[in-house]
Amino acid sequence: MPSTSSRQTIERHASGQLPSLEKTEPDKAVSTCSEWLARHDEQEVLAKHWQRLESYLIREHHWFQLSRRQRAALPEATQLDVISNRLDKLYKLNQRLLNTLPQVAASTPHGLACKLSVALALVHPEENKEAHRLIQSVLLDVKANAPSVSE
């Protein structure tokens, strides 16, 4: 059950009027979330590339049966190291940005949609299908009620 202050907050915004989201100054949430989402997209591309490369090494070179020296002799091992290092760097950068995101107030519907997009990316559907679907639904509601919101 929501607390009294939560209910009051919800009731204040129940009319659909969000005066704090009508500012004309740049929305820091948009730039912050866009930066996070771009890194997240890069992480996903790199992870898929890693999986394909590792599958190839397992299939063609029996990767897990090779010694460290044998692995290092394969050119694909260098690629795996480069990908791994980049993934680590992206993770650390995004983690730092994610820690600051709750303090960044969305001042436009687009900023709010961007913050919801980050939340959606963080809640994997296979880990929590209901929460993922709920965030997805709220994001669609925000976009439907603010036609200028685009991705």
N, C-alpha and C. Protein backbone atom coordinates (compact mmCIF):
# COMPACT_ATOMS: atom_id res chain seq x y z
N MET A 1 0.84 -1.19 0.00
CA MET A 1 0.00 0.00 0.00
C MET A 1 0.88 1.24 0.00
N PRO A 2 0.62 2.20 -0.87
CA PRO A 2 1.44 3.40 -0.92
C PRO A 2 1.30 4.23 0.34
N SER A 3 2.38 4.91 0.71
CA SER A 3 2.34 5.79 1.87
C SER A 3 1.50 7.02 1.55
N THR A 4 1.18 7.78 2.59
CA THR A 4 0.38 8.99 2.40
C THR A 4 1.07 9.96 1.47
N SER A 5 2.39 10.15 1.66
CA SER A 5 3.11 11.10 0.79
C SER A 5 3.15 10.60 -0.65
N SER A 6 3.25 9.28 -0.85
CA SER A 6 3.22 8.72 -2.21
C SER A 6 1.87 8.96 -2.84
N ARG A 7 0.79 8.74 -2.08
CA ARG A 7 -0.56 8.97 -2.60
C ARG A 7 -0.75 10.43 -2.97
N GLN A 8 -0.25 11.33 -2.10
CA GLN A 8 -0.41 12.76 -2.38
C GLN A 8 0.34 13.14 -3.66
N THR A 9 1.53 12.60 -3.83
CA THR A 9 2.30 12.86 -5.04
C THR A 9 1.55 12.36 -6.26
N ILE A 10 1.03 11.16 -6.17
CA ILE A 10 0.28 10.57 -7.28
C ILE A 10 -0.96 11.40 -7.56
N GLU A 11 -1.69 11.80 -6.52
CA GLU A 11 -2.90 12.58 -6.71
C GLU A 11 -2.60 13.94 -7.34
N ARG A 12 -1.49 14.57 -6.95
CA ARG A 12 -1.11 15.87 -7.53
C ARG A 12 -0.89 15.75 -9.02
N HIS A 13 -0.37 14.60 -9.45
CA HIS A 13 -0.05 14.41 -10.86
C HIS A 13 -1.13 13.63 -11.60
N ALA A 14 -2.17 13.23 -10.91
CA ALA A 14 -3.21 12.42 -11.54
C ALA A 14 -3.95 13.17 -12.64
N SER A 15 -3.94 14.48 -12.58
CA SER A 15 -4.65 15.25 -13.59
C SER A 15 -3.94 15.21 -14.94
N GLY A 16 -2.74 14.67 -14.96
CA GLY A 16 -1.98 14.63 -16.20
C GLY A 16 -1.14 15.88 -16.40
N GLN A 17 -1.28 16.85 -15.54
CA GLN A 17 -0.50 18.07 -15.65
C GLN A 17 0.81 17.89 -14.88
N LEU A 18 1.90 18.02 -15.59
CA LEU A 18 3.21 17.93 -14.97
C LEU A 18 3.94 19.24 -15.24
N PRO A 19 3.65 20.26 -14.43
CA PRO A 19 4.22 21.57 -14.71
C PRO A 19 5.74 21.56 -14.78
N SER A 20 6.40 20.70 -14.02
CA SER A 20 7.86 20.68 -14.04
C SER A 20 8.39 20.14 -15.36
N LEU A 21 7.54 19.54 -16.18
CA LEU A 21 7.98 19.00 -17.47
C LEU A 21 7.68 19.95 -18.63
N GLU A 22 7.37 21.19 -18.32
CA GLU A 22 7.05 22.15 -19.38
C GLU A 22 8.13 23.21 -19.55
N LYS A 23 9.31 22.98 -19.03
CA LYS A 23 10.40 23.94 -19.15
C LYS A 23 10.93 23.96 -20.57
N THR A 24 11.50 25.09 -20.94
CA THR A 24 12.05 25.21 -22.28
C THR A 24 13.57 25.07 -22.30
N GLU A 25 14.21 25.05 -21.15
CA GLU A 25 15.67 24.90 -21.11
C GLU A 25 16.04 23.45 -21.44
N PRO A 26 17.29 23.23 -21.88
CA PRO A 26 17.71 21.87 -22.24
C PRO A 26 17.51 20.89 -21.07
N ASP A 27 17.08 19.71 -21.42
CA ASP A 27 16.80 18.67 -20.42
C ASP A 27 18.05 17.81 -20.26
N LYS A 28 18.70 17.93 -19.12
CA LYS A 28 19.93 17.18 -18.85
C LYS A 28 19.66 15.67 -18.85
N ALA A 29 18.44 15.27 -18.52
CA ALA A 29 18.12 13.84 -18.52
C ALA A 29 18.25 13.25 -19.93
N VAL A 30 17.90 14.03 -20.94
CA VAL A 30 17.99 13.55 -22.32
C VAL A 30 19.45 13.25 -22.68
N SER A 31 20.34 14.19 -22.42
CA SER A 31 21.75 13.98 -22.79
C SER A 31 22.38 12.87 -21.95
N THR A 32 22.08 12.85 -20.66
CA THR A 32 22.65 11.82 -19.78
C THR A 32 22.18 10.44 -20.18
N CYS A 33 20.88 10.29 -20.40
CA CYS A 33 20.33 8.99 -20.78
C CYS A 33 20.78 8.57 -22.18
N SER A 34 20.86 9.53 -23.08
CA SER A 34 21.31 9.22 -24.44
C SER A 34 22.73 8.67 -24.42
N GLU A 35 23.56 9.28 -23.60
CA GLU A 35 24.94 8.80 -23.45
C GLU A 35 24.95 7.37 -22.88
N TRP A 36 24.15 7.13 -21.85
CA TRP A 36 24.08 5.80 -21.24
C TRP A 36 23.55 4.77 -22.25
N LEU A 37 22.48 5.13 -22.96
CA LEU A 37 21.87 4.20 -23.91
C LEU A 37 22.80 3.89 -25.08
N ALA A 38 23.56 4.87 -25.54
CA ALA A 38 24.52 4.63 -26.63
C ALA A 38 25.58 3.63 -26.18
N ARG A 39 26.09 3.79 -24.98
CA ARG A 39 27.07 2.84 -24.45
C ARG A 39 26.45 1.46 -24.27
N HIS A 40 25.22 1.44 -23.79
CA HIS A 40 24.52 0.17 -23.59
C HIS A 40 24.36 -0.56 -24.93
N ASP A 41 23.99 0.17 -25.96
CA ASP A 41 23.86 -0.42 -27.30
C ASP A 41 25.20 -0.98 -27.77
N GLU A 42 26.27 -0.21 -27.54
CA GLU A 42 27.60 -0.69 -27.93
C GLU A 42 27.96 -1.97 -27.17
N GLN A 43 27.61 -2.01 -25.88
CA GLN A 43 27.87 -3.21 -25.09
C GLN A 43 27.15 -4.42 -25.68
N GLU A 44 25.91 -4.24 -26.08
CA GLU A 44 25.15 -5.35 -26.65
C GLU A 44 25.76 -5.85 -27.95
N VAL A 45 26.19 -4.93 -28.81
CA VAL A 45 26.83 -5.30 -30.07
C VAL A 45 28.13 -6.05 -29.79
N LEU A 46 28.93 -5.53 -28.88
CA LEU A 46 30.19 -6.19 -28.54
C LEU A 46 29.98 -7.57 -27.92
N ALA A 47 28.98 -7.70 -27.06
CA ALA A 47 28.70 -9.00 -26.43
C ALA A 47 28.29 -10.03 -27.48
N LYS A 48 27.50 -9.62 -28.46
CA LYS A 48 27.11 -10.54 -29.54
C LYS A 48 28.32 -10.93 -30.38
N HIS A 49 29.18 -9.96 -30.65
CA HIS A 49 30.40 -10.26 -31.41
C HIS A 49 31.28 -11.24 -30.63
N TRP A 50 31.41 -11.00 -29.32
CA TRP A 50 32.18 -11.90 -28.45
C TRP A 50 31.61 -13.32 -28.54
N GLN A 51 30.30 -13.44 -28.44
CA GLN A 51 29.67 -14.76 -28.49
C GLN A 51 29.94 -15.47 -29.81
N ARG A 52 29.82 -14.74 -30.90
CA ARG A 52 30.10 -15.35 -32.22
C ARG A 52 31.55 -15.79 -32.33
N LEU A 53 32.45 -14.95 -31.89
CA LEU A 53 33.87 -15.24 -31.96
C LEU A 53 34.22 -16.43 -31.07
N GLU A 54 33.69 -16.44 -29.87
CA GLU A 54 33.97 -17.55 -28.96
C GLU A 54 33.38 -18.85 -29.50
N SER A 55 32.19 -18.80 -30.06
CA SER A 55 31.58 -20.00 -30.66
C SER A 55 32.47 -20.54 -31.79
N TYR A 56 32.98 -19.63 -32.60
CA TYR A 56 33.88 -20.03 -33.68
C TYR A 56 35.12 -20.73 -33.09
N LEU A 57 35.72 -20.13 -32.06
CA LEU A 57 36.92 -20.70 -31.46
C LEU A 57 36.65 -22.07 -30.82
N ILE A 58 35.50 -22.22 -30.23
CA ILE A 58 35.13 -23.51 -29.63
C ILE A 58 34.96 -24.56 -30.73
N ARG A 59 34.25 -24.18 -31.76
CA ARG A 59 33.93 -25.12 -32.84
C ARG A 59 35.16 -25.47 -33.68
N GLU A 60 35.93 -24.48 -34.05
CA GLU A 60 37.04 -24.69 -34.99
C GLU A 60 38.38 -25.00 -34.33
N HIS A 61 38.56 -24.57 -33.10
CA HIS A 61 39.88 -24.72 -32.46
C HIS A 61 39.81 -25.42 -31.10
N HIS A 62 38.64 -25.92 -30.73
CA HIS A 62 38.49 -26.59 -29.42
C HIS A 62 39.06 -25.70 -28.30
N TRP A 63 38.58 -24.48 -28.29
CA TRP A 63 39.08 -23.39 -27.43
C TRP A 63 39.35 -23.80 -25.99
N PHE A 64 38.44 -24.51 -25.37
CA PHE A 64 38.58 -24.83 -23.95
C PHE A 64 39.60 -25.92 -23.68
N GLN A 65 40.02 -26.63 -24.71
CA GLN A 65 41.06 -27.64 -24.53
C GLN A 65 42.47 -27.08 -24.77
N LEU A 66 42.54 -25.85 -25.24
CA LEU A 66 43.85 -25.25 -25.53
C LEU A 66 44.50 -24.68 -24.28
N SER A 67 45.81 -24.71 -24.26
CA SER A 67 46.56 -24.07 -23.17
C SER A 67 46.53 -22.56 -23.37
N ARG A 68 46.97 -21.84 -22.38
CA ARG A 68 47.03 -20.37 -22.50
C ARG A 68 47.95 -19.96 -23.66
N ARG A 69 49.02 -20.64 -23.79
CA ARG A 69 49.98 -20.33 -24.86
C ARG A 69 49.35 -20.59 -26.24
N GLN A 70 48.64 -21.69 -26.37
CA GLN A 70 47.98 -22.02 -27.64
C GLN A 70 46.89 -21.01 -27.96
N ARG A 71 46.15 -20.62 -26.93
CA ARG A 71 45.10 -19.62 -27.14
C ARG A 71 45.70 -18.29 -27.60
N ALA A 72 46.76 -17.88 -26.93
CA ALA A 72 47.39 -16.60 -27.25
C ALA A 72 47.93 -16.56 -28.67
N ALA A 73 48.26 -17.73 -29.23
CA ALA A 73 48.79 -17.79 -30.59
C ALA A 73 47.72 -17.53 -31.65
N LEU A 74 46.47 -17.66 -31.29
CA LEU A 74 45.39 -17.44 -32.25
C LEU A 74 45.08 -15.94 -32.34
N PRO A 75 44.95 -15.42 -33.56
CA PRO A 75 44.66 -13.98 -33.72
C PRO A 75 43.32 -13.57 -33.07
N GLU A 76 42.38 -14.49 -33.04
CA GLU A 76 41.07 -14.17 -32.44
C GLU A 76 41.17 -13.93 -30.94
N ALA A 77 42.22 -14.48 -30.30
CA ALA A 77 42.39 -14.26 -28.86
C ALA A 77 42.62 -12.79 -28.57
N THR A 78 43.37 -12.12 -29.45
CA THR A 78 43.61 -10.68 -29.29
C THR A 78 42.29 -9.93 -29.42
N GLN A 79 41.47 -10.34 -30.39
CA GLN A 79 40.16 -9.70 -30.56
C GLN A 79 39.31 -9.86 -29.30
N LEU A 80 39.33 -11.06 -28.72
CA LEU A 80 38.56 -11.28 -27.49
C LEU A 80 39.05 -10.36 -26.37
N ASP A 81 40.37 -10.20 -26.26
CA ASP A 81 40.93 -9.31 -25.24
C ASP A 81 40.49 -7.86 -25.46
N VAL A 82 40.52 -7.42 -26.71
CA VAL A 82 40.12 -6.05 -27.03
C VAL A 82 38.64 -5.84 -26.67
N ILE A 83 37.82 -6.80 -27.06
CA ILE A 83 36.38 -6.72 -26.75
C ILE A 83 36.16 -6.71 -25.25
N SER A 84 36.83 -7.60 -24.54
CA SER A 84 36.68 -7.69 -23.09
C SER A 84 37.07 -6.39 -22.41
N ASN A 85 38.20 -5.82 -22.82
CA ASN A 85 38.65 -4.55 -22.23
C ASN A 85 37.66 -3.42 -22.50
N ARG A 86 37.13 -3.37 -23.72
CA ARG A 86 36.15 -2.34 -24.07
C ARG A 86 34.87 -2.52 -23.26
N LEU A 87 34.41 -3.77 -23.14
CA LEU A 87 33.20 -4.04 -22.34
C LEU A 87 33.40 -3.60 -20.89
N ASP A 88 34.56 -3.88 -20.32
CA ASP A 88 34.85 -3.46 -18.95
C ASP A 88 34.81 -1.94 -18.81
N LYS A 89 35.42 -1.26 -19.78
CA LYS A 89 35.44 0.21 -19.74
C LYS A 89 34.03 0.78 -19.85
N LEU A 90 33.25 0.27 -20.81
CA LEU A 90 31.87 0.74 -20.99
C LEU A 90 31.04 0.49 -19.73
N TYR A 91 31.21 -0.67 -19.13
CA TYR A 91 30.45 -1.01 -17.92
C TYR A 91 30.77 0.00 -16.81
N LYS A 92 32.04 0.28 -16.60
CA LYS A 92 32.43 1.21 -15.53
C LYS A 92 31.89 2.62 -15.79
N LEU A 93 32.00 3.07 -17.04
CA LEU A 93 31.48 4.40 -17.37
C LEU A 93 29.98 4.48 -17.17
N ASN A 94 29.27 3.46 -17.63
CA ASN A 94 27.81 3.47 -17.48
C ASN A 94 27.39 3.31 -16.03
N GLN A 95 28.14 2.55 -15.27
CA GLN A 95 27.80 2.39 -13.85
C GLN A 95 27.91 3.72 -13.13
N ARG A 96 28.97 4.48 -13.43
CA ARG A 96 29.13 5.81 -12.82
C ARG A 96 27.98 6.73 -13.21
N LEU A 97 27.64 6.71 -14.50
CA LEU A 97 26.55 7.55 -15.00
C LEU A 97 25.22 7.13 -14.38
N LEU A 98 25.02 5.83 -14.26
CA LEU A 98 23.78 5.31 -13.68
C LEU A 98 23.63 5.74 -12.22
N ASN A 99 24.73 5.82 -11.51
CA ASN A 99 24.68 6.26 -10.10
C ASN A 99 24.25 7.71 -9.97
N THR A 100 24.50 8.53 -11.00
CA THR A 100 24.11 9.94 -10.93
C THR A 100 22.70 10.17 -11.48
N LEU A 101 22.21 9.24 -12.28
CA LEU A 101 20.94 9.44 -12.98
C LEU A 101 19.74 9.73 -12.07
N PRO A 102 19.63 9.10 -10.91
CA PRO A 102 18.47 9.42 -10.05
C PRO A 102 18.42 10.89 -9.61
N GLN A 103 19.56 11.56 -9.58
CA GLN A 103 19.58 12.96 -9.18
C GLN A 103 19.33 13.91 -10.36
N VAL A 104 19.33 13.38 -11.58
CA VAL A 104 19.09 14.20 -12.77
C VAL A 104 17.58 14.24 -13.01
N ALA A 105 16.99 15.40 -12.84
CA ALA A 105 15.54 15.53 -13.02
C ALA A 105 15.20 15.70 -14.49
N ALA A 106 14.22 14.95 -14.94
CA ALA A 106 13.70 15.12 -16.30
C ALA A 106 12.82 16.36 -16.30
N SER A 107 13.08 17.28 -17.23
CA SER A 107 12.29 18.50 -17.27
C SER A 107 11.39 18.57 -18.51
N THR A 108 11.40 17.51 -19.30
CA THR A 108 10.54 17.43 -20.49
C THR A 108 9.99 16.02 -20.60
N PRO A 109 8.93 15.84 -21.35
CA PRO A 109 8.44 14.47 -21.58
C PRO A 109 9.50 13.59 -22.25
N HIS A 110 10.30 14.18 -23.14
CA HIS A 110 11.37 13.41 -23.78
C HIS A 110 12.39 12.94 -22.76
N GLY A 111 12.73 13.79 -21.81
CA GLY A 111 13.66 13.41 -20.74
C GLY A 111 13.09 12.28 -19.89
N LEU A 112 11.81 12.38 -19.60
CA LEU A 112 11.14 11.32 -18.84
C LEU A 112 11.16 10.01 -19.63
N ALA A 113 10.89 10.08 -20.92
CA ALA A 113 10.92 8.88 -21.77
C ALA A 113 12.34 8.29 -21.81
N CYS A 114 13.33 9.14 -21.85
CA CYS A 114 14.72 8.66 -21.87
C CYS A 114 15.06 7.93 -20.57
N LYS A 115 14.64 8.49 -19.44
CA LYS A 115 14.90 7.82 -18.16
C LYS A 115 14.18 6.48 -18.10
N LEU A 116 12.96 6.43 -18.61
CA LEU A 116 12.23 5.16 -18.65
C LEU A 116 12.92 4.16 -19.59
N SER A 117 13.51 4.64 -20.66
CA SER A 117 14.23 3.77 -21.59
C SER A 117 15.44 3.13 -20.90
N VAL A 118 16.12 3.89 -20.07
CA VAL A 118 17.24 3.33 -19.30
C VAL A 118 16.71 2.27 -18.33
N ALA A 119 15.64 2.59 -17.63
CA ALA A 119 15.06 1.61 -16.70
C ALA A 119 14.65 0.34 -17.44
N LEU A 120 14.06 0.50 -18.62
CA LEU A 120 13.64 -0.64 -19.42
C LEU A 120 14.84 -1.50 -19.81
N ALA A 121 15.94 -0.86 -20.18
CA ALA A 121 17.16 -1.60 -20.55
C ALA A 121 17.74 -2.35 -19.36
N LEU A 122 17.55 -1.81 -18.16
CA LEU A 122 18.11 -2.44 -16.96
C LEU A 122 17.29 -3.63 -16.46
N VAL A 123 16.01 -3.63 -16.76
CA VAL A 123 15.13 -4.72 -16.30
C VAL A 123 14.95 -5.68 -17.47
N HIS A 124 15.70 -6.75 -17.44
CA HIS A 124 15.65 -7.73 -18.53
C HIS A 124 14.35 -8.53 -18.46
N PRO A 125 13.69 -8.72 -19.59
CA PRO A 125 12.41 -9.42 -19.58
C PRO A 125 12.52 -10.85 -19.05
N GLU A 126 13.65 -11.52 -19.28
CA GLU A 126 13.77 -12.89 -18.79
C GLU A 126 14.03 -12.94 -17.28
N GLU A 127 14.42 -11.82 -16.69
CA GLU A 127 14.65 -11.77 -15.24
C GLU A 127 13.41 -11.31 -14.48
N ASN A 128 12.66 -10.39 -15.06
CA ASN A 128 11.46 -9.89 -14.41
C ASN A 128 10.49 -9.41 -15.49
N LYS A 129 9.77 -10.36 -16.05
CA LYS A 129 8.89 -10.07 -17.18
C LYS A 129 7.84 -9.02 -16.83
N GLU A 130 7.26 -9.11 -15.63
CA GLU A 130 6.19 -8.18 -15.24
C GLU A 130 6.70 -6.75 -15.13
N ALA A 131 7.84 -6.58 -14.48
CA ALA A 131 8.40 -5.22 -14.33
C ALA A 131 8.80 -4.67 -15.70
N HIS A 132 9.38 -5.51 -16.54
CA HIS A 132 9.77 -5.08 -17.88
C HIS A 132 8.55 -4.61 -18.67
N ARG A 133 7.50 -5.40 -18.63
CA ARG A 133 6.27 -5.05 -19.37
C ARG A 133 5.64 -3.77 -18.81
N LEU A 134 5.69 -3.60 -17.49
CA LEU A 134 5.12 -2.39 -16.88
C LEU A 134 5.89 -1.15 -17.31
N ILE A 135 7.20 -1.21 -17.25
CA ILE A 135 8.01 -0.05 -17.67
C ILE A 135 7.78 0.23 -19.14
N GLN A 136 7.71 -0.81 -19.94
CA GLN A 136 7.45 -0.66 -21.37
C GLN A 136 6.10 0.03 -21.60
N SER A 137 5.11 -0.37 -20.82
CA SER A 137 3.78 0.21 -20.93
C SER A 137 3.79 1.69 -20.54
N VAL A 138 4.47 2.01 -19.45
CA VAL A 138 4.55 3.41 -19.01
C VAL A 138 5.28 4.25 -20.07
N LEU A 139 6.33 3.71 -20.64
CA LEU A 139 7.07 4.42 -21.68
C LEU A 139 6.17 4.70 -22.88
N LEU A 140 5.38 3.72 -23.28
CA LEU A 140 4.44 3.92 -24.39
C LEU A 140 3.38 4.97 -24.03
N ASP A 141 2.91 4.96 -22.77
CA ASP A 141 1.95 5.96 -22.32
C ASP A 141 2.53 7.37 -22.41
N VAL A 142 3.77 7.51 -21.97
CA VAL A 142 4.42 8.82 -22.01
C VAL A 142 4.53 9.30 -23.45
N LYS A 143 4.96 8.41 -24.33
CA LYS A 143 5.10 8.78 -25.74
C LYS A 143 3.75 9.12 -26.37
N ALA A 144 2.71 8.39 -26.01
CA ALA A 144 1.38 8.63 -26.57
C ALA A 144 0.82 9.97 -26.11
N ASN A 145 1.17 10.38 -24.88
CA ASN A 145 0.63 11.62 -24.34
C ASN A 145 1.50 12.82 -24.60
N ALA A 146 2.65 12.60 -25.21
CA ALA A 146 3.55 13.68 -25.57
C ALA A 146 4.08 13.40 -26.98
N PRO A 147 3.29 13.75 -27.99
CA PRO A 147 3.65 13.39 -29.37
C PRO A 147 5.04 13.85 -29.82
N SER A 148 5.60 14.83 -29.16
CA SER A 148 6.93 15.30 -29.57
C SER A 148 8.03 14.38 -29.08
N VAL A 149 7.70 13.39 -28.25
CA VAL A 149 8.69 12.46 -27.75
C VAL A 149 9.01 11.44 -28.84
N SER A 150 10.27 11.36 -29.18
CA SER A 150 10.69 10.37 -30.18
C SER A 150 12.01 9.75 -29.74
N GLU A 151 12.33 8.64 -30.38
CA GLU A 151 13.62 7.99 -30.07
C GLU A 151 14.48 7.96 -31.27
